[in-house]
Amino acid sequence: LSLPAIAAVSILTFQGSWNEFFWPMVVLTEAEKYTLPIGLNFFLHYYTSVTGSVWNMILAGTVVSIIPVLVIYLLFQRYFVEGFHLSGIKQ
């Protein structure tokens, strides 16, 4: 009975930590250790100032960054929907 709720919370927690921006930006100082969102931001600011617009590369990186979240959601979609369904108000 609690498996769908745990799956829903796990998916949302994974998505939140995967897309984390502020904390890694504060803590990480070396470019080799940047997470994907920070790397995309660095890429955007560095290459836009040097070569102009590189939106095709930024959008490709964004698509690549959502693939893990999409795969996790597709694998656990049944539990995710059921978890929200079971957590609704019952009369």
Foldseek 3Di string as FASTA:
>chain_A
DCQLQVLQVVLVVVVCVLQDDDPCVVPDDDPVPDHLVVVLVVCQVVCCVPPNDDVVVSVVSVVVSCVVSVVSCVVSVVSNVVSVVVPDDDD
